[in-house]
PDB file of N, CA and C in Angstrom:
ATOM      1  N   GLN A   1      24.668   7.862  20.492  1.00  0.00           N
ATOM      2  CA  GLN A   1      23.773   8.792  20.054  1.00  0.00           C
ATOM      3  C   GLN A   1      22.783   8.072  19.100  1.00  0.00           C
ATOM      4  N   VAL A   2      21.153   7.394  19.543  1.00  0.00           N
ATOM      5  CA  VAL A   2      20.895   7.478  18.261  1.00  0.00           C
ATOM      6  C   VAL A   2      20.209   8.363  17.351  1.00  0.00           C
ATOM      7  N   GLN A   3      19.955   8.151  15.811  1.00  0.00           N
ATOM      8  CA  GLN A   3      20.258   9.017  15.504  1.00  0.00           C
ATOM      9  C   GLN A   3      18.367   9.154  14.114  1.00  0.00           C
ATOM     10  N   LEU A   4      18.490   7.651  14.094  1.00  0.00           N
ATOM     11  CA  LEU A   4      17.573   7.526  13.033  1.00  0.00           C
ATOM     12  C   LEU A   4      16.811   6.022  14.174  1.00  0.00           C
ATOM     13  N   ILE A   5      15.561   6.466  14.171  1.00  0.00           N
ATOM     14  CA  ILE A   5      15.038   5.233  15.413  1.00  0.00           C
ATOM     15  C   ILE A   5      13.799   4.563  14.860  1.00  0.00           C
ATOM     16  N   GLU A   6      13.717   3.153  13.770  1.00  0.00           N
ATOM     17  CA  GLU A   6      12.338   2.772  12.807  1.00  0.00           C
ATOM     18  C   GLU A   6      11.778   2.267  13.989  1.00  0.00           C
ATOM     19  N   SER A   7      10.382   1.628  13.375  1.00  0.00           N
ATOM     20  CA  SER A   7       9.102   1.277  13.791  1.00  0.00           C
ATOM     21  C   SER A   7       8.109   0.670  13.661  1.00  0.00           C
ATOM     22  N   GLY A   8       7.103  -0.306  13.555  1.00  0.00           N
ATOM     23  CA  GLY A   8       6.336  -0.350  12.849  1.00  0.00           C
ATOM     24  C   GLY A   8       6.267  -2.002  11.799  1.00  0.00           C
ATOM     25  N   GLY A   9       7.401  -3.213  12.645  1.00  0.00           N
ATOM     26  CA  GLY A   9       7.809  -4.526  11.987  1.00  0.00           C
ATOM     27  C   GLY A   9       6.988  -5.130  12.656  1.00  0.00           C
ATOM     28  N   GLY A  10       6.623  -6.245  12.206  1.00  0.00           N
ATOM     29  CA  GLY A  10       5.706  -7.627  12.699  1.00  0.00           C
ATOM     30  C   GLY A  10       5.443  -8.151  12.058  1.00  0.00           C
ATOM     31  N   LEU A  11       4.613  -8.929  12.262  1.00  0.00           N
ATOM     32  CA  LEU A  11       4.206 -10.014  12.182  1.00  0.00           C
ATOM     33  C   LEU A  11       2.752 -10.079  11.312  1.00  0.00           C
ATOM     34  N   VAL A  12       2.757 -10.391   9.764  1.00  0.00           N
ATOM     35  CA  VAL A  12       1.369 -10.022   9.226  1.00  0.00           C
ATOM     36  C   VAL A  12       1.627 -11.541   8.202  1.00  0.00           C
ATOM     37  N   GLN A  13       0.285 -12.095   7.514  1.00  0.00           N
ATOM     38  CA  GLN A  13       0.182 -12.357   6.790  1.00  0.00           C
ATOM     39  C   GLN A  13       0.545 -12.004   5.078  1.00  0.00           C
ATOM     40  N   ALA A  14       0.699 -13.261   4.551  1.00  0.00           N
ATOM     41  CA  ALA A  14       0.833 -13.134   2.637  1.00  0.00           C
ATOM     42  C   ALA A  14      -0.847 -12.602   3.019  1.00  0.00           C
ATOM     43  N   GLY A  15      -0.602 -11.069   1.684  1.00  0.00           N
ATOM     44  CA  GLY A  15      -1.816 -10.170   1.320  1.00  0.00           C
ATOM     45  C   GLY A  15      -1.396  -9.477   2.319  1.00  0.00           C
ATOM     46  N   GLY A  16      -1.221  -9.170   4.116  1.00  0.00           N
ATOM     47  CA  GLY A  16      -1.618  -8.075   4.893  1.00  0.00           C
ATOM     48  C   GLY A  16      -1.006  -6.871   4.080  1.00  0.00           C
ATOM     49  N   SER A  17      -1.107  -5.833   5.738  1.00  0.00           N
ATOM     50  CA  SER A  17      -0.154  -4.068   5.305  1.00  0.00           C
ATOM     51  C   SER A  17       0.582  -4.308   6.239  1.00  0.00           C
ATOM     52  N   LEU A  18       1.239  -3.211   6.271  1.00  0.00           N
ATOM     53  CA  LEU A  18       2.513  -2.484   7.970  1.00  0.00           C
ATOM     54  C   LEU A  18       3.001  -1.213   6.832  1.00  0.00           C
ATOM     55  N   ARG A  19       2.680  -0.459   8.429  1.00  0.00           N
ATOM     56  CA  ARG A  19       3.735   0.939   7.690  1.00  0.00           C
ATOM     57  C   ARG A  19       4.975   1.016   9.197  1.00  0.00           C
ATOM     58  N   LEU A  20       5.613   1.032   7.798  1.00  0.00           N
ATOM     59  CA  LEU A  20       6.859   1.173   9.223  1.00  0.00           C
ATOM     60  C   LEU A  20       7.636   3.123   9.196  1.00  0.00           C
ATOM     61  N   SER A  21       7.600   3.121  10.382  1.00  0.00           N
ATOM     62  CA  SER A  21       8.324   4.091  10.791  1.00  0.00           C
ATOM     63  C   SER A  21       9.927   4.761  10.748  1.00  0.00           C
ATOM     64  N   CYS A  22      10.337   5.460  10.677  1.00  0.00           N
ATOM     65  CA  CYS A  22      11.919   5.674  11.163  1.00  0.00           C
ATOM     66  C   CYS A  22      11.748   7.122  11.240  1.00  0.00           C
ATOM     67  N   GLU A  23      12.360   7.250  12.548  1.00  0.00           N
ATOM     68  CA  GLU A  23      11.612   8.846  12.836  1.00  0.00           C
ATOM     69  C   GLU A  23      13.768   9.754  13.297  1.00  0.00           C
ATOM     70  N   TYR A  24      13.951  10.885  13.293  1.00  0.00           N
ATOM     71  CA  TYR A  24      14.560  10.588  12.730  1.00  0.00           C
ATOM     72  C   TYR A  24      15.548  12.307  13.315  1.00  0.00           C
ATOM     73  N   SER A  25      16.685  12.373  13.564  1.00  0.00           N
ATOM     74  CA  SER A  25      16.962  14.039  14.902  1.00  0.00           C
ATOM     75  C   SER A  25      16.676  14.969  12.916  1.00  0.00           C
ATOM     76  N   ARG A  26      15.683  15.417  13.428  1.00  0.00           N
ATOM     77  CA  ARG A  26      15.745  16.791  12.419  1.00  0.00           C
ATOM     78  C   ARG A  26      16.966  17.889  12.018  1.00  0.00           C
ATOM     79  N   ARG A  27      17.265  17.779  13.244  1.00  0.00           N
ATOM     80  CA  ARG A  27      18.771  19.375  13.174  1.00  0.00           C
ATOM     81  C   ARG A  27      20.369  18.687  12.059  1.00  0.00           C
ATOM     82  N   THR A  28      19.669  17.136  12.153  1.00  0.00           N
ATOM     83  CA  THR A  28      20.959  16.473  11.663  1.00  0.00           C
ATOM     84  C   THR A  28      20.082  15.945  10.577  1.00  0.00           C
ATOM     85  N   PHE A  29      19.728  15.735   9.997  1.00  0.00           N
ATOM     86  CA  PHE A  29      19.455  14.729   8.576  1.00  0.00           C
ATOM     87  C   PHE A  29      17.848  15.876   7.755  1.00  0.00           C
ATOM     88  N   ARG A  30      17.355  16.852   7.981  1.00  0.00           N
ATOM     89  CA  ARG A  30      16.042  17.531   7.560  1.00  0.00           C
ATOM     90  C   ARG A  30      16.869  17.330   6.049  1.00  0.00           C
ATOM     91  N   SER A  31      17.729  18.272   5.377  1.00  0.00           N
ATOM     92  CA  SER A  31      18.368  17.919   4.188  1.00  0.00           C
ATOM     93  C   SER A  31      18.834  16.911   3.029  1.00  0.00           C
ATOM     94  N   TYR A  32      19.235  16.378   4.041  1.00  0.00           N
ATOM     95  CA  TYR A  32      19.308  14.555   3.847  1.00  0.00           C
ATOM     96  C   TYR A  32      18.156  13.821   3.055  1.00  0.00           C
ATOM     97  N   ASP A  33      17.946  12.565   1.832  1.00  0.00           N
ATOM     98  CA  ASP A  33      17.657  12.371   0.989  1.00  0.00           C
ATOM     99  C   ASP A  33      17.732  10.957   2.330  1.00  0.00           C
ATOM    100  N   MET A  34      16.452   9.721   2.147  1.00  0.00           N
ATOM    101  CA  MET A  34      15.839   9.179   2.797  1.00  0.00           C
ATOM    102  C   MET A  34      15.598   7.928   2.291  1.00  0.00           C
ATOM    103  N   GLY A  35      15.680   6.760   3.038  1.00  0.00           N
ATOM    104  CA  GLY A  35      15.270   5.672   2.283  1.00  0.00           C
ATOM    105  C   GLY A  35      14.886   4.840   3.398  1.00  0.00           C
ATOM    106  N   TRP A  36      14.695   2.721   2.167  1.00  0.00           N
ATOM    107  CA  TRP A  36      14.972   1.938   3.038  1.00  0.00           C
ATOM    108  C   TRP A  36      16.215   1.204   2.549  1.00  0.00           C
ATOM    109  N   PHE A  37      16.471  -0.180   2.769  1.00  0.00           N
ATOM    110  CA  PHE A  37      17.155  -1.105   2.666  1.00  0.00           C
ATOM    111  C   PHE A  37      16.032  -2.330   3.357  1.00  0.00           C
ATOM    112  N   ARG A  38      16.585  -3.813   3.301  1.00  0.00           N
ATOM    113  CA  ARG A  38      16.743  -4.805   3.743  1.00  0.00           C
ATOM    114  C   ARG A  38      17.635  -5.815   3.673  1.00  0.00           C
ATOM    115  N   GLN A  39      17.414  -6.725   4.826  1.00  0.00           N
ATOM    116  CA  GLN A  39      18.473  -7.491   4.839  1.00  0.00           C
ATOM    117  C   GLN A  39      17.997  -8.802   4.450  1.00  0.00           C
ATOM    118  N   ALA A  40      17.557 -10.219   4.592  1.00  0.00           N
ATOM    119  CA  ALA A  40      16.958 -11.215   4.879  1.00  0.00           C
ATOM    120  C   ALA A  40      17.834 -12.061   5.089  1.00  0.00           C
ATOM    121  N   PRO A  41      17.813 -13.207   6.094  1.00  0.00           N
ATOM    122  CA  PRO A  41      18.883 -13.668   6.492  1.00  0.00           C
ATOM    123  C   PRO A  41      19.629 -14.267   5.629  1.00  0.00           C
ATOM    124  N   GLY A  42      20.781 -14.923   5.069  1.00  0.00           N
ATOM    125  CA  GLY A  42      21.746 -14.993   4.256  1.00  0.00           C
ATOM    126  C   GLY A  42      21.949 -14.215   3.209  1.00  0.00           C
ATOM    127  N   LYS A  43      21.038 -13.140   3.328  1.00  0.00           N
ATOM    128  CA  LYS A  43      21.140 -12.507   1.887  1.00  0.00           C
ATOM    129  C   LYS A  43      22.005 -11.136   2.015  1.00  0.00           C
ATOM    130  N   GLU A  44      22.834 -10.884   1.084  1.00  0.00           N
ATOM    131  CA  GLU A  44      22.967  -9.194   1.544  1.00  0.00           C
ATOM    132  C   GLU A  44      21.927  -8.136   1.386  1.00  0.00           C
ATOM    133  N   ARG A  45      22.332  -7.161   2.311  1.00  0.00           N
ATOM    134  CA  ARG A  45      20.748  -5.704   2.031  1.00  0.00           C
ATOM    135  C   ARG A  45      21.263  -5.647   1.045  1.00  0.00           C
ATOM    136  N   GLU A  46      19.909  -4.672   0.572  1.00  0.00           N
ATOM    137  CA  GLU A  46      19.045  -4.420  -0.186  1.00  0.00           C
ATOM    138  C   GLU A  46      18.510  -3.312  -0.962  1.00  0.00           C
ATOM    139  N   PHE A  47      18.519  -2.584  -1.475  1.00  0.00           N
ATOM    140  CA  PHE A  47      17.507  -1.257  -1.069  1.00  0.00           C
ATOM    141  C   PHE A  47      16.465  -1.865  -1.486  1.00  0.00           C
ATOM    142  N   VAL A  48      15.567  -0.546  -1.347  1.00  0.00           N
ATOM    143  CA  VAL A  48      13.619  -0.757  -1.504  1.00  0.00           C
ATOM    144  C   VAL A  48      13.457   0.417  -1.968  1.00  0.00           C
ATOM    145  N   ALA A  49      13.409   1.942  -1.070  1.00  0.00           N
ATOM    146  CA  ALA A  49      13.272   2.656  -1.617  1.00  0.00           C
ATOM    147  C   ALA A  49      13.717   3.635  -0.725  1.00  0.00           C
ATOM    148  N   SER A  50      13.872   4.966  -1.931  1.00  0.00           N
ATOM    149  CA  SER A  50      14.679   6.913  -1.469  1.00  0.00           C
ATOM    150  C   SER A  50      13.576   7.242  -1.872  1.00  0.00           C
ATOM    151  N   ILE A  51      13.322   8.842  -1.013  1.00  0.00           N
ATOM    152  CA  ILE A  51      13.340   9.254  -0.884  1.00  0.00           C
ATOM    153  C   ILE A  51      13.544  11.149  -0.976  1.00  0.00           C
ATOM    154  N   GLU A  52      13.500  12.273  -1.678  1.00  0.00           N
ATOM    155  CA  GLU A  52      14.081  12.882  -1.313  1.00  0.00           C
ATOM    156  C   GLU A  52      13.558  13.965  -0.762  1.00  0.00           C
ATOM    157  N   GLU A  53      14.905  15.413  -0.311  1.00  0.00           N
ATOM    158  CA  GLU A  53      14.822  16.045   1.300  1.00  0.00           C
ATOM    159  C   GLU A  53      13.553  16.830   0.891  1.00  0.00           C
ATOM    160  N   SER A  54      13.004  17.287  -0.253  1.00  0.00           N
ATOM    161  CA  SER A  54      11.696  17.518  -0.814  1.00  0.00           C
ATOM    162  C   SER A  54      10.011  16.930  -0.323  1.00  0.00           C
ATOM    163  N   GLY A  55      10.896  15.373   0.167  1.00  0.00           N
ATOM    164  CA  GLY A  55       9.333  14.687  -0.248  1.00  0.00           C
ATOM    165  C   GLY A  55       9.045  14.846  -1.621  1.00  0.00           C
ATOM    166  N   GLU A  56       9.237  15.015  -2.777  1.00  0.00           N
ATOM    167  CA  GLU A  56       9.075  14.894  -4.271  1.00  0.00           C
ATOM    168  C   GLU A  56       9.433  14.378  -5.256  1.00  0.00           C
ATOM    169  N   GLY A  57      10.677  13.564  -5.003  1.00  0.00           N
ATOM    170  CA  GLY A  57      11.694  12.385  -5.747  1.00  0.00           C
ATOM    171  C   GLY A  57      11.489  11.052  -4.991  1.00  0.00           C
ATOM    172  N   THR A  58      10.871  10.170  -5.722  1.00  0.00           N
ATOM    173  CA  THR A  58      11.217   8.815  -4.904  1.00  0.00           C
ATOM    174  C   THR A  58      10.934   7.860  -5.858  1.00  0.00           C
ATOM    175  N   PHE A  59      11.890   6.104  -5.245  1.00  0.00           N
ATOM    176  CA  PHE A  59      12.477   5.762  -5.981  1.00  0.00           C
ATOM    177  C   PHE A  59      12.812   4.386  -4.952  1.00  0.00           C
ATOM    178  N   TYR A  60      11.808   2.916  -6.614  1.00  0.00           N
ATOM    179  CA  TYR A  60      11.390   1.648  -5.637  1.00  0.00           C
ATOM    180  C   TYR A  60      12.543   0.902  -6.863  1.00  0.00           C
ATOM    181  N   ALA A  61      13.008  -0.212  -5.744  1.00  0.00           N
ATOM    182  CA  ALA A  61      13.267  -1.545  -6.141  1.00  0.00           C
ATOM    183  C   ALA A  61      12.244  -1.448  -6.641  1.00  0.00           C
ATOM    184  N   ASP A  62      12.574  -2.955  -8.402  1.00  0.00           N
ATOM    185  CA  ASP A  62      11.140  -3.265  -9.287  1.00  0.00           C
ATOM    186  C   ASP A  62      10.201  -4.287  -8.164  1.00  0.00           C
ATOM    187  N   SER A  63      11.442  -4.629  -7.062  1.00  0.00           N
ATOM    188  CA  SER A  63      10.378  -6.045  -6.532  1.00  0.00           C
ATOM    189  C   SER A  63       9.115  -5.709  -6.192  1.00  0.00           C
ATOM    190  N   VAL A  64       9.247  -3.798  -5.265  1.00  0.00           N
ATOM    191  CA  VAL A  64       8.123  -3.700  -4.235  1.00  0.00           C
ATOM    192  C   VAL A  64       7.852  -2.331  -4.772  1.00  0.00           C
ATOM    193  N   LYS A  65       7.688  -1.941  -6.057  1.00  0.00           N
ATOM    194  CA  LYS A  65       6.985  -1.130  -7.286  1.00  0.00           C
ATOM    195  C   LYS A  65       5.352  -1.519  -7.289  1.00  0.00           C
ATOM    196  N   GLY A  66       4.806  -0.579  -6.981  1.00  0.00           N
ATOM    197  CA  GLY A  66       2.925  -0.660  -6.945  1.00  0.00           C
ATOM    198  C   GLY A  66       2.608  -1.484  -5.807  1.00  0.00           C
ATOM    199  N   ARG A  67       3.758  -1.328  -4.882  1.00  0.00           N
ATOM    200  CA  ARG A  67       2.875  -2.420  -3.637  1.00  0.00           C
ATOM    201  C   ARG A  67       3.242  -1.396  -2.593  1.00  0.00           C
ATOM    202  N   PHE A  68       4.312  -0.873  -2.274  1.00  0.00           N
ATOM    203  CA  PHE A  68       4.825  -0.109  -1.547  1.00  0.00           C
ATOM    204  C   PHE A  68       5.130   2.074  -2.195  1.00  0.00           C
ATOM    205  N   THR A  69       4.667   2.034  -1.101  1.00  0.00           N
ATOM    206  CA  THR A  69       4.596   3.504  -0.705  1.00  0.00           C
ATOM    207  C   THR A  69       6.010   4.361  -0.192  1.00  0.00           C
ATOM    208  N   ILE A  70       6.771   5.219  -0.580  1.00  0.00           N
ATOM    209  CA  ILE A  70       7.717   5.697   0.584  1.00  0.00           C
ATOM    210  C   ILE A  70       7.122   7.413   0.999  1.00  0.00           C
ATOM    211  N   SER A  71       6.831   7.685   1.749  1.00  0.00           N
ATOM    212  CA  SER A  71       6.670   9.717   1.665  1.00  0.00           C
ATOM    213  C   SER A  71       7.560   9.550   3.895  1.00  0.00           C
ATOM    214  N   ARG A  72       7.385  11.067   3.334  1.00  0.00           N
ATOM    215  CA  ARG A  72       8.166  11.985   4.038  1.00  0.00           C
ATOM    216  C   ARG A  72       6.971  13.016   5.046  1.00  0.00           C
ATOM    217  N   ASP A  73       7.258  13.089   6.635  1.00  0.00           N
ATOM    218  CA  ASP A  73       7.236  14.018   6.846  1.00  0.00           C
ATOM    219  C   ASP A  73       7.829  15.381   7.574  1.00  0.00           C
ATOM    220  N   ASN A  74       7.946  16.029   6.680  1.00  0.00           N
ATOM    221  CA  ASN A  74       9.275  16.696   7.483  1.00  0.00           C
ATOM    222  C   ASN A  74       9.244  17.691   9.062  1.00  0.00           C
ATOM    223  N   ALA A  75       8.400  18.215   8.862  1.00  0.00           N
ATOM    224  CA  ALA A  75       7.532  18.305  10.387  1.00  0.00           C
ATOM    225  C   ALA A  75       7.274  17.799  11.775  1.00  0.00           C
ATOM    226  N   LYS A  76       7.069  16.150  11.168  1.00  0.00           N
ATOM    227  CA  LYS A  76       7.878  15.642  12.381  1.00  0.00           C
ATOM    228  C   LYS A  76       8.733  14.467  12.547  1.00  0.00           C
ATOM    229  N   SER A  77       9.718  15.038  10.936  1.00  0.00           N
ATOM    230  CA  SER A  77      11.666  14.256  11.184  1.00  0.00           C
ATOM    231  C   SER A  77      11.105  12.879  11.047  1.00  0.00           C
ATOM    232  N   THR A  78      10.153  12.037  10.260  1.00  0.00           N
ATOM    233  CA  THR A  78       9.696  10.680  10.449  1.00  0.00           C
ATOM    234  C   THR A  78       9.111  10.443   9.217  1.00  0.00           C
ATOM    235  N   VAL A  79       9.518   9.624   8.446  1.00  0.00           N
ATOM    236  CA  VAL A  79       9.906   9.188   6.481  1.00  0.00           C
ATOM    237  C   VAL A  79       9.613   7.573   7.310  1.00  0.00           C
ATOM    238  N   TYR A  80       8.527   6.854   6.512  1.00  0.00           N
ATOM    239  CA  TYR A  80       7.452   5.829   6.238  1.00  0.00           C
ATOM    240  C   TYR A  80       7.550   4.501   5.024  1.00  0.00           C
ATOM    241  N   LEU A  81       7.521   3.734   5.729  1.00  0.00           N
ATOM    242  CA  LEU A  81       7.237   2.959   3.964  1.00  0.00           C
ATOM    243  C   LEU A  81       5.466   2.274   4.202  1.00  0.00           C
ATOM    244  N   GLN A  82       4.680   2.946   4.053  1.00  0.00           N
ATOM    245  CA  GLN A  82       3.875   1.269   3.663  1.00  0.00           C
ATOM    246  C   GLN A  82       3.513   0.762   2.812  1.00  0.00           C
ATOM    247  N   MET A  83       3.416  -0.757   3.377  1.00  0.00           N
ATOM    248  CA  MET A  83       3.652  -2.023   2.592  1.00  0.00           C
ATOM    249  C   MET A  83       2.247  -2.586   2.311  1.00  0.00           C
ATOM    250  N   ASN A  84       1.988  -2.680   1.195  1.00  0.00           N
ATOM    251  CA  ASN A  84       0.612  -3.185   0.694  1.00  0.00           C
ATOM    252  C   ASN A  84       1.175  -4.625  -0.096  1.00  0.00           C
ATOM    253  N   SER A  85       0.063  -5.976   0.296  1.00  0.00           N
ATOM    254  CA  SER A  85      -0.275  -6.449  -1.094  1.00  0.00           C
ATOM    255  C   SER A  85       1.321  -7.083  -0.180  1.00  0.00           C
ATOM    256  N   LEU A  86       1.564  -7.252   0.771  1.00  0.00           N
ATOM    257  CA  LEU A  86       2.751  -8.342   1.489  1.00  0.00           C
ATOM    258  C   LEU A  86       3.188  -9.943   1.204  1.00  0.00           C
ATOM    259  N   LYS A  87       4.464  -9.883   0.633  1.00  0.00           N
ATOM    260  CA  LYS A  87       4.498 -11.705   0.549  1.00  0.00           C
ATOM    261  C   LYS A  87       6.038 -12.386   1.225  1.00  0.00           C
ATOM    262  N   ALA A  88       5.360 -13.797   1.069  1.00  0.00           N
ATOM    263  CA  ALA A  88       6.557 -14.359   1.655  1.00  0.00           C
ATOM    264  C   ALA A  88       7.928 -13.823   1.455  1.00  0.00           C
ATOM    265  N   GLU A  89       8.276 -13.549   0.705  1.00  0.00           N
ATOM    266  CA  GLU A  89       9.636 -12.792   0.056  1.00  0.00           C
ATOM    267  C   GLU A  89      10.232 -11.550   0.974  1.00  0.00           C
ATOM    268  N   ASP A  90       9.043 -10.546   1.316  1.00  0.00           N
ATOM    269  CA  ASP A  90       9.795  -9.631   1.595  1.00  0.00           C
ATOM    270  C   ASP A  90       9.452  -9.713   3.268  1.00  0.00           C
ATOM    271  N   THR A  91      10.264 -10.581   3.659  1.00  0.00           N
ATOM    272  CA  THR A  91      10.208 -10.744   5.037  1.00  0.00           C
ATOM    273  C   THR A  91      11.892 -10.308   5.286  1.00  0.00           C
ATOM    274  N   ALA A  92      11.937  -9.493   6.357  1.00  0.00           N
ATOM    275  CA  ALA A  92      13.291  -8.842   6.342  1.00  0.00           C
ATOM    276  C   ALA A  92      13.459  -8.499   7.623  1.00  0.00           C
ATOM    277  N   VAL A  93      14.437  -7.747   8.008  1.00  0.00           N
ATOM    278  CA  VAL A  93      15.275  -6.561   8.379  1.00  0.00           C
ATOM    279  C   VAL A  93      15.107  -5.798   7.885  1.00  0.00           C
ATOM    280  N   TYR A  94      14.610  -4.204   8.179  1.00  0.00           N
ATOM    281  CA  TYR A  94      14.332  -3.485   7.153  1.00  0.00           C
ATOM    282  C   TYR A  94      15.227  -2.008   8.259  1.00  0.00           C
ATOM    283  N   LEU A  95      16.131  -1.450   7.844  1.00  0.00           N
ATOM    284  CA  LEU A  95      16.678  -0.887   7.752  1.00  0.00           C
ATOM    285  C   LEU A  95      16.714   0.919   7.336  1.00  0.00           C
ATOM    286  N   CYS A  96      16.514   1.545   8.580  1.00  0.00           N
ATOM    287  CA  CYS A  96      15.902   3.034   7.192  1.00  0.00           C
ATOM    288  C   CYS A  96      17.640   3.937   7.642  1.00  0.00           C
ATOM    289  N   TYR A  97      17.593   4.256   6.326  1.00  0.00           N
ATOM    290  CA  TYR A  97      19.150   5.435   6.554  1.00  0.00           C
ATOM    291  C   TYR A  97      18.339   6.190   5.856  1.00  0.00           C
ATOM    292  N   ALA A  98      19.810   7.400   5.981  1.00  0.00           N
ATOM    293  CA  ALA A  98      20.084   8.957   5.841  1.00  0.00           C
ATOM    294  C   ALA A  98      21.380   8.913   4.680  1.00  0.00           C
ATOM    295  N   ASP A  99      21.373  10.082   3.692  1.00  0.00           N
ATOM    296  CA  ASP A  99      21.929  10.026   2.431  1.00  0.00           C
ATOM    297  C   ASP A  99      22.172  11.778   2.781  1.00  0.00           C
ATOM    298  N   PRO A 100      23.934  11.637   2.918  1.00  0.00           N
ATOM    299  CA  PRO A 100      24.335  13.032   2.811  1.00  0.00           C
ATOM    300  C   PRO A 100      24.134  13.512   1.492  1.00  0.00           C
ATOM    301  N   GLY A 101      24.128  12.359   0.695  1.00  0.00           N
ATOM    302  CA  GLY A 101      24.008  13.180  -0.854  1.00  0.00           C
ATOM    303  C   GLY A 101      24.716  12.925  -2.165  1.00  0.00           C
ATOM    304  N   PRO A 102      24.948  13.296  -3.098  1.00  0.00           N
ATOM    305  CA  PRO A 102      25.063  12.953  -4.380  1.00  0.00           C
ATOM    306  C   PRO A 102      26.671  11.841  -4.017  1.00  0.00           C
ATOM    307  N   GLY A 103      27.012  10.594  -4.468  1.00  0.00           N
ATOM    308  CA  GLY A 103      27.911  10.056  -5.122  1.00  0.00           C
ATOM    309  C   GLY A 103      28.389   9.195  -3.166  1.00  0.00           C
ATOM    310  N   THR A 104      27.131   9.611  -2.588  1.00  0.00           N
ATOM    311  CA  THR A 104      27.591   8.961  -0.978  1.00  0.00           C
ATOM    312  C   THR A 104      27.832   7.652  -1.100  1.00  0.00           C
ATOM    313  N   VAL A 105      28.505   6.781  -0.998  1.00  0.00           N
ATOM    314  CA  VAL A 105      28.641   5.059  -0.922  1.00  0.00           C
ATOM    315  C   VAL A 105      27.464   4.846   0.592  1.00  0.00           C
ATOM    316  N   PRO A 106      26.636   3.784   0.091  1.00  0.00           N
ATOM    317  CA  PRO A 106      25.699   2.777   1.107  1.00  0.00           C
ATOM    318  C   PRO A 106      26.584   2.805   2.170  1.00  0.00           C
ATOM    319  N   ARG A 107      28.083   2.569   2.720  1.00  0.00           N
ATOM    320  CA  ARG A 107      28.922   2.525   3.716  1.00  0.00           C
ATOM    321  C   ARG A 107      28.704   3.720   4.576  1.00  0.00           C
ATOM    322  N   ALA A 108      28.473   4.280   3.699  1.00  0.00           N
ATOM    323  CA  ALA A 108      28.875   6.200   4.958  1.00  0.00           C
ATOM    324  C   ALA A 108      27.944   6.618   4.963  1.00  0.00           C
ATOM    325  N   TYR A 109      26.277   5.720   4.521  1.00  0.00           N
ATOM    326  CA  TYR A 109      24.867   6.654   5.617  1.00  0.00           C
ATOM    327  C   TYR A 109      25.545   6.156   6.372  1.00  0.00           C
ATOM    328  N   THR A 110      24.164   7.110   7.259  1.00  0.00           N
ATOM    329  CA  THR A 110      23.244   6.919   9.347  1.00  0.00           C
ATOM    330  C   THR A 110      22.384   6.022   8.741  1.00  0.00           C
ATOM    331  N   TRP A 111      22.649   4.487   9.498  1.00  0.00           N
ATOM    332  CA  TRP A 111      22.002   4.002   9.977  1.00  0.00           C
ATOM    333  C   TRP A 111      21.024   3.243  10.812  1.00  0.00           C
ATOM    334  N   GLY A 112      19.746   3.248  10.938  1.00  0.00           N
ATOM    335  CA  GLY A 112      18.921   2.705  12.318  1.00  0.00           C
ATOM    336  C   GLY A 112      19.264   1.542  12.328  1.00  0.00           C
ATOM    337  N   GLN A 113      19.227   1.150  13.311  1.00  0.00           N
ATOM    338  CA  GLN A 113      19.321  -0.321  14.244  1.00  0.00           C
ATOM    339  C   GLN A 113      17.844  -1.529  13.175  1.00  0.00           C
ATOM    340  N   GLY A 114      17.566  -1.364  12.791  1.00  0.00           N
ATOM    341  CA  GLY A 114      16.689  -2.167  12.107  1.00  0.00           C
ATOM    342  C   GLY A 114      15.181  -2.368  12.497  1.00  0.00           C
ATOM    343  N   THR A 115      13.938  -2.631  11.906  1.00  0.00           N
ATOM    344  CA  THR A 115      12.887  -3.476  12.742  1.00  0.00           C
ATOM    345  C   THR A 115      12.343  -4.653  11.278  1.00  0.00           C
ATOM    346  N   GLN A 116      12.022  -5.388  12.711  1.00  0.00           N
ATOM    347  CA  GLN A 116      11.644  -7.088  11.101  1.00  0.00           C
ATOM    348  C   GLN A 116       9.650  -6.629  11.441  1.00  0.00           C
ATOM    349  N   VAL A 117      10.803  -7.631  10.195  1.00  0.00           N
ATOM    350  CA  VAL A 117       9.119  -8.161   9.431  1.00  0.00           C
ATOM    351  C   VAL A 117       8.839  -9.461   8.593  1.00  0.00           C
ATOM    352  N   THR A 118       8.165  -9.951   9.364  1.00  0.00           N
ATOM    353  CA  THR A 118       8.125 -11.548   8.841  1.00  0.00           C
ATOM    354  C   THR A 118       6.509 -11.597   8.337  1.00  0.00           C
ATOM    355  N   VAL A 119       6.601 -12.319   7.024  1.00  0.00           N
ATOM    356  CA  VAL A 119       4.816 -12.271   6.226  1.00  0.00           C
ATOM    357  C   VAL A 119       4.861 -13.768   6.505  1.00  0.00           C
ATOM    358  N   SER A 120       3.880 -14.357   6.756  1.00  0.00           N
ATOM    359  CA  SER A 120       3.497 -16.051   7.142  1.00  0.00           C
ATOM    360  C   SER A 120       2.984 -15.861   5.554  1.00  0.00           C
ATOM    361  N   SER A 121       3.456 -17.159   4.385  1.00  0.00           N
ATOM    362  CA  SER A 121       2.384 -17.902   3.935  1.00  0.00           C
ATOM    363  C   SER A 121       1.505 -18.675   4.231  1.00  0.00           C
TER     364      SER A 121
END
């Protein structure tokens, strides 16, 4: 049963914008922190951004601060990642995740299938 469904990826020119969405099962994940990782070819998966259950606390990787904004609409059971001023190095598969709580390691998160973002220079 797929519980995290990403959408919104695509091909964009450098300097452009995309908004990713991650729909989640409200019954399962409404009390979870949510976020995004990304993985580029030949590279390790890296943290991008996260948001607390309440939507009040947000955290970003240094590489995306000031360009990306994470938000969530719990009424719609959706997490968003607004990506502006995109660079070629942002090209990767972006994966949504659900974190059940403090001390949980990433391998224990629930992961989506991922959505491809390609930025042409």
